[in-house]
Amino acid sequence: MVSSKVSESYTAIALETFFLNTVINKEDIFLFIDNDATNNFRNLKYPINIYENNDTPKSWASNFNKGIKIALDKKMDMVLITNDIAFAKGWYDPLKILDNAITIPCCNIYVNYRTPNFRTNVLMNLSDYSGKEQDLDQCVYHHKLRFKLNEFCEKKFTQMYLARIPHIILNKVGYFDETISNCGGEDIDYIIRSALNGYKTLVAYNSYVIHFHGKSSWDGSETHEQANKRRDTYLKRCKEKWGDNLVDVFLSNKGKEKAYELGFKHLYDENKFYEIIRILLKKNRSK
């Protein structure tokens, strides 16, 4: 888990709900990275195996690469965790099923629920959740009845806010690209590289968490201008690596329109994004 100073109130919730709702095995290693050297979580009574307190802030790719190194050295899978997550009961069980794909839990970006006292939305703040944990449990209970344990689906813009990356994929794809940007785009780049190596990225629909998203960046301390500049940076770098068409389909606001223009209507409408990536990469290599 990587924590940012500007979103430490979310880190506290992430830690609390993770250890409340996750079965920890004796061989598991929990790496906690304090990106801004606040050292505020070191002495809490959580079984954190490795606590790193960065002297200076590092990119998200650089921080998560520390986890990948440990996983590769130990021949283990890695679970990437951002700090703006509220974990719910049974979140990890569906993610353990597949060892040939990156799996990401379903969240409020994709599916939403409402009770008399609580509702999930695409955009949420801590105040929308705090004190309503039992309501979330109720939503998750119905969610798990609605979706099967082995129900997986591709999604166009799948962020790695929380993801299990099996060792076989880590071993083949390697580390996050630290040249993409300070924050943003490195996860999409990893998904593209995984597809290039034959591995899909799938949303595990039976799993459910709250993802507050953007609390360390565009919905946190960044100004609108800073967020746009950061986005322009990683779009430019991704286009250098993968070409305009692939980035326009998967990262632009006109992704659907671009996919249709390129003749991918059928694949796009059926969420077959792995196939689109593979076709576009093949075309790029043949030029």
C-alpha atoms as a PDB file:
ATOM      1  CA  MET A   1       0.000   0.000   0.000  1.00  0.00           C
ATOM      2  CA  VAL A   2       1.240   3.459  -0.905  1.00  0.00           C
ATOM      3  CA  SER A   3       0.129   6.430   1.192  1.00  0.00           C
ATOM      4  CA  SER A   4       0.147  10.114   0.277  1.00  0.00           C
ATOM      5  CA  LYS A   5       0.184  12.933   2.842  1.00  0.00           C
ATOM      6  CA  VAL A   6      -2.719  14.790   1.266  1.00  0.00           C
ATOM      7  CA  SER A   7      -4.965  11.726   1.546  1.00  0.00           C
ATOM      8  CA  GLU A   8      -3.880  10.233   4.875  1.00  0.00           C
ATOM      9  CA  SER A   9      -7.443  10.272   6.217  1.00  0.00           C
ATOM     10  CA  TYR A  10      -8.230   7.769   3.456  1.00  0.00           C
ATOM     11  CA  THR A  11      -5.132   5.730   4.310  1.00  0.00           C
ATOM     12  CA  ALA A  12      -6.483   5.255   7.819  1.00  0.00           C
ATOM     13  CA  ILE A  13      -9.721   3.794   6.436  1.00  0.00           C
ATOM     14  CA  ALA A  14      -7.846   1.626   3.934  1.00  0.00           C
ATOM     15  CA  LEU A  15      -5.647   0.105   6.632  1.00  0.00           C
ATOM     16  CA  GLU A  16      -8.506  -0.433   9.065  1.00  0.00           C
ATOM     17  CA  THR A  17     -10.824  -2.086   6.555  1.00  0.00           C
ATOM     18  CA  PHE A  18      -8.063  -4.107   4.895  1.00  0.00           C
ATOM     19  CA  PHE A  19      -6.979  -5.823   8.088  1.00  0.00           C
ATOM     20  CA  LEU A  20     -10.589  -6.212   9.200  1.00  0.00           C
ATOM     21  CA  ASN A  21     -11.719  -7.895   5.979  1.00  0.00           C
ATOM     22  CA  THR A  22      -8.630  -9.752   4.750  1.00  0.00           C
ATOM     23  CA  VAL A  23      -7.286 -13.157   5.757  1.00  0.00           C
ATOM     24  CA  ILE A  24      -3.521 -12.802   6.209  1.00  0.00           C
ATOM     25  CA  ASN A  25      -1.413 -15.921   5.716  1.00  0.00           C
ATOM     26  CA  LYS A  26       1.919 -16.357   7.511  1.00  0.00           C
ATOM     27  CA  GLU A  27       3.859 -16.221   4.225  1.00  0.00           C
ATOM     28  CA  ASP A  28       2.228 -12.946   3.130  1.00  0.00           C
ATOM     29  CA  ILE A  29       4.299  -9.759   3.201  1.00  0.00           C
ATOM     30  CA  PHE A  30       2.572  -6.410   3.727  1.00  0.00           C
ATOM     31  CA  LEU A  31       4.653  -3.524   2.385  1.00  0.00           C
ATOM     32  CA  PHE A  32       3.562  -0.025   3.425  1.00  0.00           C
ATOM     33  CA  ILE A  33       5.149   2.985   1.715  1.00  0.00           C
ATOM     34  CA  ASP A  34       4.752   6.457   3.175  1.00  0.00           C
ATOM     35  CA  ASN A  35       5.471   8.566   0.111  1.00  0.00           C
ATOM     36  CA  ASP A  36       5.836  11.862   1.988  1.00  0.00           C
ATOM     37  CA  ALA A  37       7.867  10.779   5.031  1.00  0.00           C
ATOM     38  CA  THR A  38       5.162  11.645   7.564  1.00  0.00           C
ATOM     39  CA  ASN A  39       5.760   8.358   9.414  1.00  0.00           C
ATOM     40  CA  ASN A  40       2.215   8.618  10.781  1.00  0.00           C
ATOM     41  CA  PHE A  41       1.277   4.955  10.483  1.00  0.00           C
ATOM     42  CA  ARG A  42       4.401   3.209  11.739  1.00  0.00           C
ATOM     43  CA  ASN A  43       3.290   2.510  15.299  1.00  0.00           C
ATOM     44  CA  LEU A  44      -0.247   1.351  14.647  1.00  0.00           C
ATOM     45  CA  LYS A  45      -1.114  -2.187  15.707  1.00  0.00           C
ATOM     46  CA  TYR A  46      -1.335  -3.595  12.202  1.00  0.00           C
ATOM     47  CA  PRO A  47       0.873  -6.466  11.005  1.00  0.00           C
ATOM     48  CA  ILE A  48       2.900  -4.352   8.583  1.00  0.00           C
ATOM     49  CA  ASN A  49       6.008  -6.345   7.684  1.00  0.00           C
ATOM     50  CA  ILE A  50       7.925  -3.618   5.870  1.00  0.00           C
ATOM     51  CA  TYR A  51       7.410   0.108   6.497  1.00  0.00           C
ATOM     52  CA  GLU A  52       9.215   2.451   4.111  1.00  0.00           C
ATOM     53  CA  ASN A  53       9.308   6.176   4.809  1.00  0.00           C
ATOM     54  CA  ASN A  54      10.441   7.906   1.601  1.00  0.00           C
ATOM     55  CA  ASP A  55      12.863  10.769   2.201  1.00  0.00           C
ATOM     56  CA  THR A  56      11.460  12.453  -0.898  1.00  0.00           C
ATOM     57  CA  PRO A  57       8.229  11.596  -2.763  1.00  0.00           C
ATOM     58  CA  LYS A  58       8.583   9.064  -5.554  1.00  0.00           C
ATOM     59  CA  SER A  59       6.339   8.241  -8.492  1.00  0.00           C
ATOM     60  CA  TRP A  60       3.570   5.685  -8.076  1.00  0.00           C
ATOM     61  CA  ALA A  61       5.371   3.419 -10.543  1.00  0.00           C
ATOM     62  CA  SER A  62       8.585   3.626  -8.536  1.00  0.00           C
ATOM     63  CA  ASN A  63       6.783   2.830  -5.291  1.00  0.00           C
ATOM     64  CA  PHE A  64       4.840  -0.114  -6.672  1.00  0.00           C
ATOM     65  CA  ASN A  65       8.004  -1.456  -8.283  1.00  0.00           C
ATOM     66  CA  LYS A  66       9.340  -2.036  -4.785  1.00  0.00           C
ATOM     67  CA  GLY A  67       6.467  -4.432  -4.239  1.00  0.00           C
ATOM     68  CA  ILE A  68       7.118  -6.137  -7.575  1.00  0.00           C
ATOM     69  CA  LYS A  69      10.774  -6.667  -6.648  1.00  0.00           C
ATOM     70  CA  ILE A  70       9.800  -8.396  -3.409  1.00  0.00           C
ATOM     71  CA  ALA A  71       7.234 -10.540  -5.209  1.00  0.00           C
ATOM     72  CA  LEU A  72       9.723 -11.561  -7.883  1.00  0.00           C
ATOM     73  CA  ASP A  73      12.441 -12.327  -5.343  1.00  0.00           C
ATOM     74  CA  LYS A  74      10.044 -14.405  -3.236  1.00  0.00           C
ATOM     75  CA  LYS A  75       8.250 -15.944  -6.250  1.00  0.00           C
ATOM     76  CA  MET A  76       4.929 -14.595  -4.968  1.00  0.00           C
ATOM     77  CA  ASP A  77       1.890 -12.853  -6.421  1.00  0.00           C
ATOM     78  CA  MET A  78       1.503  -9.142  -5.757  1.00  0.00           C
ATOM     79  CA  VAL A  79      -1.591  -7.250  -4.658  1.00  0.00           C
ATOM     80  CA  LEU A  80      -1.265  -3.582  -5.577  1.00  0.00           C
ATOM     81  CA  ILE A  81      -3.173  -1.303  -3.189  1.00  0.00           C
ATOM     82  CA  THR A  82      -3.750   2.430  -3.442  1.00  0.00           C
ATOM     83  CA  ASN A  83      -4.694   4.239  -0.249  1.00  0.00           C
ATOM     84  CA  ASP A  84      -8.184   5.464  -1.182  1.00  0.00           C
ATOM     85  CA  ILE A  85     -10.004   2.143  -0.787  1.00  0.00           C
ATOM     86  CA  ALA A  86     -12.607   0.944   1.715  1.00  0.00           C
ATOM     87  CA  PHE A  87     -12.416  -2.856   1.741  1.00  0.00           C
ATOM     88  CA  ALA A  88     -15.543  -4.964   2.198  1.00  0.00           C
ATOM     89  CA  LYS A  89     -16.141  -8.540   3.318  1.00  0.00           C
ATOM     90  CA  GLY A  90     -14.998 -11.222   0.883  1.00  0.00           C
ATOM     91  CA  TRP A  91     -13.247  -8.782  -1.434  1.00  0.00           C
ATOM     92  CA  TYR A  92     -10.231 -11.016  -2.080  1.00  0.00           C
ATOM     93  CA  ASP A  93     -11.818 -14.433  -2.698  1.00  0.00           C
ATOM     94  CA  PRO A  94     -12.771 -13.784  -6.365  1.00  0.00           C
ATOM     95  CA  LEU A  95      -9.357 -12.291  -7.121  1.00  0.00           C
ATOM     96  CA  LYS A  96      -7.613 -15.553  -6.171  1.00  0.00           C
ATOM     97  CA  ILE A  97      -9.355 -17.648  -8.826  1.00  0.00           C
ATOM     98  CA  LEU A  98      -7.336 -16.782 -11.933  1.00  0.00           C
ATOM     99  CA  ASP A  99      -3.574 -17.115 -12.223  1.00  0.00           C
ATOM    100  CA  ASN A 100      -3.429 -16.154 -15.904  1.00  0.00           C
ATOM    101  CA  ALA A 101      -4.949 -12.666 -15.663  1.00  0.00           C
ATOM    102  CA  ILE A 102      -4.682  -9.451 -13.676  1.00  0.00           C
ATOM    103  CA  THR A 103      -7.847  -9.223 -11.592  1.00  0.00           C
ATOM    104  CA  ILE A 104      -9.380  -6.063 -10.163  1.00  0.00           C
ATOM    105  CA  PRO A 105     -12.394  -5.877  -7.834  1.00  0.00           C
ATOM    106  CA  CYS A 106     -15.640  -4.285  -8.896  1.00  0.00           C
ATOM    107  CA  CYS A 107     -16.287  -0.931  -7.236  1.00  0.00           C
ATOM    108  CA  ASN A 108     -18.554   2.107  -7.284  1.00  0.00           C
ATOM    109  CA  ILE A 109     -17.081   3.173 -10.634  1.00  0.00           C
ATOM    110  CA  TYR A 110     -18.942   0.257 -12.235  1.00  0.00           C
ATOM    111  CA  VAL A 111     -21.878  -0.695  -9.984  1.00  0.00           C
ATOM    112  CA  ASN A 112     -23.788   1.404  -7.450  1.00  0.00           C
ATOM    113  CA  TYR A 113     -26.208   0.701  -4.611  1.00  0.00           C
ATOM    114  CA  ARG A 114     -28.565   2.618  -2.381  1.00  0.00           C
ATOM    115  CA  THR A 115     -30.029   2.036   1.079  1.00  0.00           C
ATOM    116  CA  PRO A 116     -32.229   4.439   3.109  1.00  0.00           C
ATOM    117  CA  ASN A 117     -29.089   5.885   4.758  1.00  0.00           C
ATOM    118  CA  PHE A 118     -26.339   5.266   2.248  1.00  0.00           C
ATOM    119  CA  ARG A 119     -25.631   5.384  -1.446  1.00  0.00           C
ATOM    120  CA  THR A 120     -22.575   4.712  -3.556  1.00  0.00           C
ATOM    121  CA  ASN A 121     -21.653   6.952  -6.468  1.00  0.00           C
ATOM    122  CA  VAL A 122     -18.862   7.154  -9.020  1.00  0.00           C
ATOM    123  CA  LEU A 123     -17.414  10.062  -7.053  1.00  0.00           C
ATOM    124  CA  MET A 124     -17.353   9.641  -3.273  1.00  0.00           C
ATOM    125  CA  ASN A 125     -15.754  11.337  -0.279  1.00  0.00           C
ATOM    126  CA  LEU A 126     -14.989  10.002   3.177  1.00  0.00           C
ATOM    127  CA  SER A 127     -18.092  11.686   4.556  1.00  0.00           C
ATOM    128  CA  ASP A 128     -20.238   9.608   2.196  1.00  0.00           C
ATOM    129  CA  TYR A 129     -18.911   6.433   3.829  1.00  0.00           C
ATOM    130  CA  SER A 130     -17.935   7.098   7.450  1.00  0.00           C
ATOM    131  CA  GLY A 131     -20.439   5.735   9.953  1.00  0.00           C
ATOM    132  CA  LYS A 132     -22.229   3.738   7.270  1.00  0.00           C
ATOM    133  CA  GLU A 133     -20.062   0.633   7.245  1.00  0.00           C
ATOM    134  CA  GLN A 134     -23.006  -1.649   8.045  1.00  0.00           C
ATOM    135  CA  ASP A 135     -24.889  -0.219   5.080  1.00  0.00           C
ATOM    136  CA  LEU A 136     -21.962  -1.127   2.853  1.00  0.00           C
ATOM    137  CA  ASP A 137     -22.036  -4.663   4.279  1.00  0.00           C
ATOM    138  CA  GLN A 138     -25.709  -4.856   3.303  1.00  0.00           C
ATOM    139  CA  CYS A 139     -24.927  -3.679  -0.229  1.00  0.00           C
ATOM    140  CA  VAL A 140     -22.089  -6.186  -0.552  1.00  0.00           C
ATOM    141  CA  TYR A 141     -24.356  -9.015   0.623  1.00  0.00           C
ATOM    142  CA  HIS A 142     -26.779  -8.294  -2.222  1.00  0.00           C
ATOM    143  CA  HIS A 143     -23.913  -7.697  -4.649  1.00  0.00           C
ATOM    144  CA  LYS A 144     -22.549 -11.190  -4.036  1.00  0.00           C
ATOM    145  CA  LEU A 145     -25.983 -12.683  -4.647  1.00  0.00           C
ATOM    146  CA  ARG A 146     -26.191 -10.761  -7.896  1.00  0.00           C
ATOM    147  CA  PHE A 147     -22.803 -11.773  -9.336  1.00  0.00           C
ATOM    148  CA  LYS A 148     -21.231 -15.225  -9.406  1.00  0.00           C
ATOM    149  CA  LEU A 149     -17.881 -15.933  -7.735  1.00  0.00           C
ATOM    150  CA  ASN A 150     -16.229 -16.659 -11.098  1.00  0.00           C
ATOM    151  CA  GLU A 151     -17.848 -13.797 -13.028  1.00  0.00           C
ATOM    152  CA  PHE A 152     -15.192 -11.722 -14.777  1.00  0.00           C
ATOM    153  CA  CYS A 153     -15.458  -9.008 -17.408  1.00  0.00           C
ATOM    154  CA  GLU A 154     -13.176  -6.715 -19.362  1.00  0.00           C
ATOM    155  CA  LYS A 155     -13.705  -2.962 -18.987  1.00  0.00           C
ATOM    156  CA  LYS A 156     -12.375  -0.227 -21.261  1.00  0.00           C
ATOM    157  CA  PHE A 157     -10.740   2.039 -18.701  1.00  0.00           C
ATOM    158  CA  THR A 158      -9.606  -0.325 -15.973  1.00  0.00           C
ATOM    159  CA  GLN A 159      -7.536   1.484 -13.367  1.00  0.00           C
ATOM    160  CA  MET A 160      -5.254  -0.460 -11.058  1.00  0.00           C
ATOM    161  CA  TYR A 161      -6.615   1.057  -7.864  1.00  0.00           C
ATOM    162  CA  LEU A 162      -6.480  -2.436  -6.388  1.00  0.00           C
ATOM    163  CA  ALA A 163      -5.222  -5.408  -8.364  1.00  0.00           C
ATOM    164  CA  ARG A 164      -3.854  -8.913  -7.969  1.00  0.00           C
ATOM    165  CA  ILE A 165      -0.991  -9.539 -10.381  1.00  0.00           C
ATOM    166  CA  PRO A 166      -0.020 -13.238 -10.405  1.00  0.00           C
ATOM    167  CA  HIS A 167       3.661 -14.126 -10.282  1.00  0.00           C
ATOM    168  CA  ILE A 168       3.582 -15.603 -13.782  1.00  0.00           C
ATOM    169  CA  ILE A 169       2.586 -12.178 -15.162  1.00  0.00           C
ATOM    170  CA  LEU A 170       5.083 -10.259 -13.033  1.00  0.00           C
ATOM    171  CA  ASN A 171       7.800 -12.607 -14.244  1.00  0.00           C
ATOM    172  CA  LYS A 172       6.869 -12.030 -17.899  1.00  0.00           C
ATOM    173  CA  VAL A 173       5.854  -8.359 -17.953  1.00  0.00           C
ATOM    174  CA  GLY A 174       8.219  -7.037 -15.291  1.00  0.00           C
ATOM    175  CA  TYR A 175       8.105  -3.647 -13.621  1.00  0.00           C
ATOM    176  CA  PHE A 176       5.987  -0.548 -14.084  1.00  0.00           C
ATOM    177  CA  ASP A 177       7.456   1.990 -16.515  1.00  0.00           C
ATOM    178  CA  GLU A 178       8.754   4.849 -14.379  1.00  0.00           C
ATOM    179  CA  THR A 179       9.067   7.130 -17.414  1.00  0.00           C
ATOM    180  CA  ILE A 180       5.295   7.399 -17.985  1.00  0.00           C
ATOM    181  CA  SER A 181       4.575  10.074 -15.368  1.00  0.00           C
ATOM    182  CA  ASN A 182       4.708  10.837 -11.677  1.00  0.00           C
ATOM    183  CA  CYS A 183       1.134   9.613 -11.286  1.00  0.00           C
ATOM    184  CA  GLY A 184      -1.188   8.296 -13.970  1.00  0.00           C
ATOM    185  CA  GLY A 185      -0.922   6.159 -17.068  1.00  0.00           C
ATOM    186  CA  GLU A 186       1.532   3.651 -15.623  1.00  0.00           C
ATOM    187  CA  ASP A 187      -1.281   1.191 -14.904  1.00  0.00           C
ATOM    188  CA  ILE A 188      -2.743   1.431 -18.421  1.00  0.00           C
ATOM    189  CA  ASP A 189       0.753   0.950 -19.818  1.00  0.00           C
ATOM    190  CA  TYR A 190       1.105  -2.214 -17.707  1.00  0.00           C
ATOM    191  CA  ILE A 191      -2.259  -3.499 -18.934  1.00  0.00           C
ATOM    192  CA  ILE A 192      -1.146  -2.954 -22.549  1.00  0.00           C
ATOM    193  CA  ARG A 193       2.153  -4.748 -21.938  1.00  0.00           C
ATOM    194  CA  SER A 194       0.304  -7.603 -20.246  1.00  0.00           C
ATOM    195  CA  ALA A 195      -1.980  -7.937 -23.262  1.00  0.00           C
ATOM    196  CA  LEU A 196       1.068  -7.939 -25.525  1.00  0.00           C
ATOM    197  CA  ASN A 197       2.343 -10.926 -23.508  1.00  0.00           C
ATOM    198  CA  GLY A 198      -0.993 -12.764 -23.704  1.00  0.00           C
ATOM    199  CA  TYR A 199      -2.632 -11.790 -20.397  1.00  0.00           C
ATOM    200  CA  LYS A 200      -5.996 -10.104 -19.914  1.00  0.00           C
ATOM    201  CA  THR A 201      -6.987  -7.621 -17.214  1.00  0.00           C
ATOM    202  CA  LEU A 202     -10.403  -8.473 -15.780  1.00  0.00           C
ATOM    203  CA  VAL A 203     -12.843  -7.009 -13.271  1.00  0.00           C
ATOM    204  CA  ALA A 204     -13.924  -9.638 -10.714  1.00  0.00           C
ATOM    205  CA  TYR A 205     -17.574  -8.733 -10.363  1.00  0.00           C
ATOM    206  CA  ASN A 206     -18.274 -10.808  -7.237  1.00  0.00           C
ATOM    207  CA  SER A 207     -15.745  -8.673  -5.363  1.00  0.00           C
ATOM    208  CA  TYR A 208     -16.768  -5.179  -4.229  1.00  0.00           C
ATOM    209  CA  VAL A 209     -14.910  -2.275  -2.636  1.00  0.00           C
ATOM    210  CA  ILE A 210     -15.339   1.464  -2.390  1.00  0.00           C
ATOM    211  CA  HIS A 211     -12.796   3.363  -4.453  1.00  0.00           C
ATOM    212  CA  PHE A 212     -12.765   7.050  -3.536  1.00  0.00           C
ATOM    213  CA  HIS A 213     -10.280   7.671  -6.403  1.00  0.00           C
ATOM    214  CA  GLY A 214      -8.248  10.742  -7.174  1.00  0.00           C
ATOM    215  CA  LYS A 215      -7.712  11.755  -3.553  1.00  0.00           C
ATOM    216  CA  SER A 216      -3.943  12.025  -3.982  1.00  0.00           C
ATOM    217  CA  SER A 217      -4.190  13.818  -7.323  1.00  0.00           C
ATOM    218  CA  TRP A 218      -7.046  15.439  -9.283  1.00  0.00           C
ATOM    219  CA  ASP A 219      -9.590  15.269  -6.426  1.00  0.00           C
ATOM    220  CA  GLY A 220      -6.994  16.091  -3.772  1.00  0.00           C
ATOM    221  CA  SER A 221      -4.299  18.763  -3.778  1.00  0.00           C
ATOM    222  CA  GLU A 222      -3.958  19.267  -7.538  1.00  0.00           C
ATOM    223  CA  THR A 223      -5.338  22.301  -9.311  1.00  0.00           C
ATOM    224  CA  HIS A 224      -7.250  21.811 -12.543  1.00  0.00           C
ATOM    225  CA  GLU A 225      -4.232  23.074 -14.476  1.00  0.00           C
ATOM    226  CA  GLN A 226      -1.849  20.700 -12.695  1.00  0.00           C
ATOM    227  CA  ALA A 227      -4.119  17.728 -13.343  1.00  0.00           C
ATOM    228  CA  ASN A 228      -4.385  18.598 -17.043  1.00  0.00           C
ATOM    229  CA  LYS A 229      -0.615  19.023 -17.350  1.00  0.00           C
ATOM    230  CA  ARG A 230       0.012  15.657 -15.672  1.00  0.00           C
ATOM    231  CA  ARG A 231      -2.533  14.002 -17.967  1.00  0.00           C
ATOM    232  CA  ASP A 232      -0.960  15.571 -21.061  1.00  0.00           C
ATOM    233  CA  THR A 233       2.417  14.231 -19.924  1.00  0.00           C
ATOM    234  CA  TYR A 234       1.367  10.606 -19.645  1.00  0.00           C
ATOM    235  CA  LEU A 235      -0.773  10.726 -22.803  1.00  0.00           C
ATOM    236  CA  LYS A 236       2.224  11.985 -24.769  1.00  0.00           C
ATOM    237  CA  ARG A 237       4.504   9.290 -23.364  1.00  0.00           C
ATOM    238  CA  CYS A 238       1.961   6.516 -23.957  1.00  0.00           C
ATOM    239  CA  LYS A 239       1.467   7.668 -27.554  1.00  0.00           C
ATOM    240  CA  GLU A 240       5.225   7.539 -28.066  1.00  0.00           C
ATOM    241  CA  LYS A 241       5.187   3.910 -26.921  1.00  0.00           C
ATOM    242  CA  TRP A 242       1.928   2.590 -28.331  1.00  0.00           C
ATOM    243  CA  GLY A 243       0.707   4.939 -31.040  1.00  0.00           C
ATOM    244  CA  ASP A 244      -2.117   7.456 -31.290  1.00  0.00           C
ATOM    245  CA  ASN A 245      -4.925   5.010 -32.082  1.00  0.00           C
ATOM    246  CA  LEU A 246      -4.467   2.769 -29.067  1.00  0.00           C
ATOM    247  CA  VAL A 247      -4.197   5.696 -26.655  1.00  0.00           C
ATOM    248  CA  ASP A 248      -7.180   7.465 -28.240  1.00  0.00           C
ATOM    249  CA  VAL A 249      -9.345   4.354 -27.828  1.00  0.00           C
ATOM    250  CA  PHE A 250      -8.353   3.595 -24.236  1.00  0.00           C
ATOM    251  CA  LEU A 251      -7.500   6.932 -22.657  1.00  0.00           C
ATOM    252  CA  SER A 252      -9.379   9.684 -24.496  1.00  0.00           C
ATOM    253  CA  ASN A 253     -12.899  10.956 -23.926  1.00  0.00           C
ATOM    254  CA  LYS A 254     -13.773   9.878 -27.458  1.00  0.00           C
ATOM    255  CA  GLY A 255     -12.694   6.266 -27.065  1.00  0.00           C
ATOM    256  CA  LYS A 256     -15.932   4.771 -28.339  1.00  0.00           C
ATOM    257  CA  GLU A 257     -16.065   7.093 -31.337  1.00  0.00           C
ATOM    258  CA  LYS A 258     -12.443   6.294 -32.188  1.00  0.00           C
ATOM    259  CA  ALA A 259     -13.000   2.530 -31.807  1.00  0.00           C
ATOM    260  CA  TYR A 260     -15.977   2.695 -34.170  1.00  0.00           C
ATOM    261  CA  GLU A 261     -13.953   4.746 -36.646  1.00  0.00           C
ATOM    262  CA  LEU A 262     -11.217   2.086 -36.637  1.00  0.00           C
ATOM    263  CA  GLY A 263     -13.729  -0.709 -37.295  1.00  0.00           C
ATOM    264  CA  PHE A 264     -13.891  -2.127 -33.778  1.00  0.00           C
ATOM    265  CA  LYS A 265     -17.590  -1.549 -33.112  1.00  0.00           C
ATOM    266  CA  HIS A 266     -18.381  -5.220 -32.524  1.00  0.00           C
ATOM    267  CA  LEU A 267     -15.359  -5.814 -30.279  1.00  0.00           C
ATOM    268  CA  TYR A 268     -15.871  -2.557 -28.380  1.00  0.00           C
ATOM    269  CA  ASP A 269     -19.559  -3.165 -27.708  1.00  0.00           C
ATOM    270  CA  GLU A 270     -18.784  -6.673 -26.424  1.00  0.00           C
ATOM    271  CA  ASN A 271     -15.993  -5.444 -24.083  1.00  0.00           C
ATOM    272  CA  LYS A 272     -13.320  -7.358 -25.997  1.00  0.00           C
ATOM    273  CA  PHE A 273     -10.626  -4.816 -25.296  1.00  0.00           C
ATOM    274  CA  TYR A 274      -7.807  -7.360 -25.045  1.00  0.00           C
ATOM    275  CA  GLU A 275      -8.418  -8.222 -28.694  1.00  0.00           C
ATOM    276  CA  ILE A 276      -8.460  -4.547 -29.712  1.00  0.00           C
ATOM    277  CA  ILE A 277      -5.120  -3.982 -27.962  1.00  0.00           C
ATOM    278  CA  ARG A 278      -3.564  -7.021 -29.657  1.00  0.00           C
ATOM    279  CA  ILE A 279      -4.801  -5.967 -33.121  1.00  0.00           C
ATOM    280  CA  LEU A 280      -3.593  -2.377 -32.767  1.00  0.00           C
ATOM    281  CA  LEU A 281      -0.195  -3.456 -31.427  1.00  0.00           C
ATOM    282  CA  LYS A 282       0.199  -5.875 -34.319  1.00  0.00           C
ATOM    283  CA  LYS A 283      -0.599  -3.078 -36.782  1.00  0.00           C
ATOM    284  CA  ASN A 284       1.912  -0.772 -35.112  1.00  0.00           C
ATOM    285  CA  ARG A 285       4.657  -3.394 -35.328  1.00  0.00           C
ATOM    286  CA  SER A 286       3.936  -4.040 -39.013  1.00  0.00           C
ATOM    287  CA  LYS A 287       4.417  -0.405 -40.003  1.00  0.00           C
END
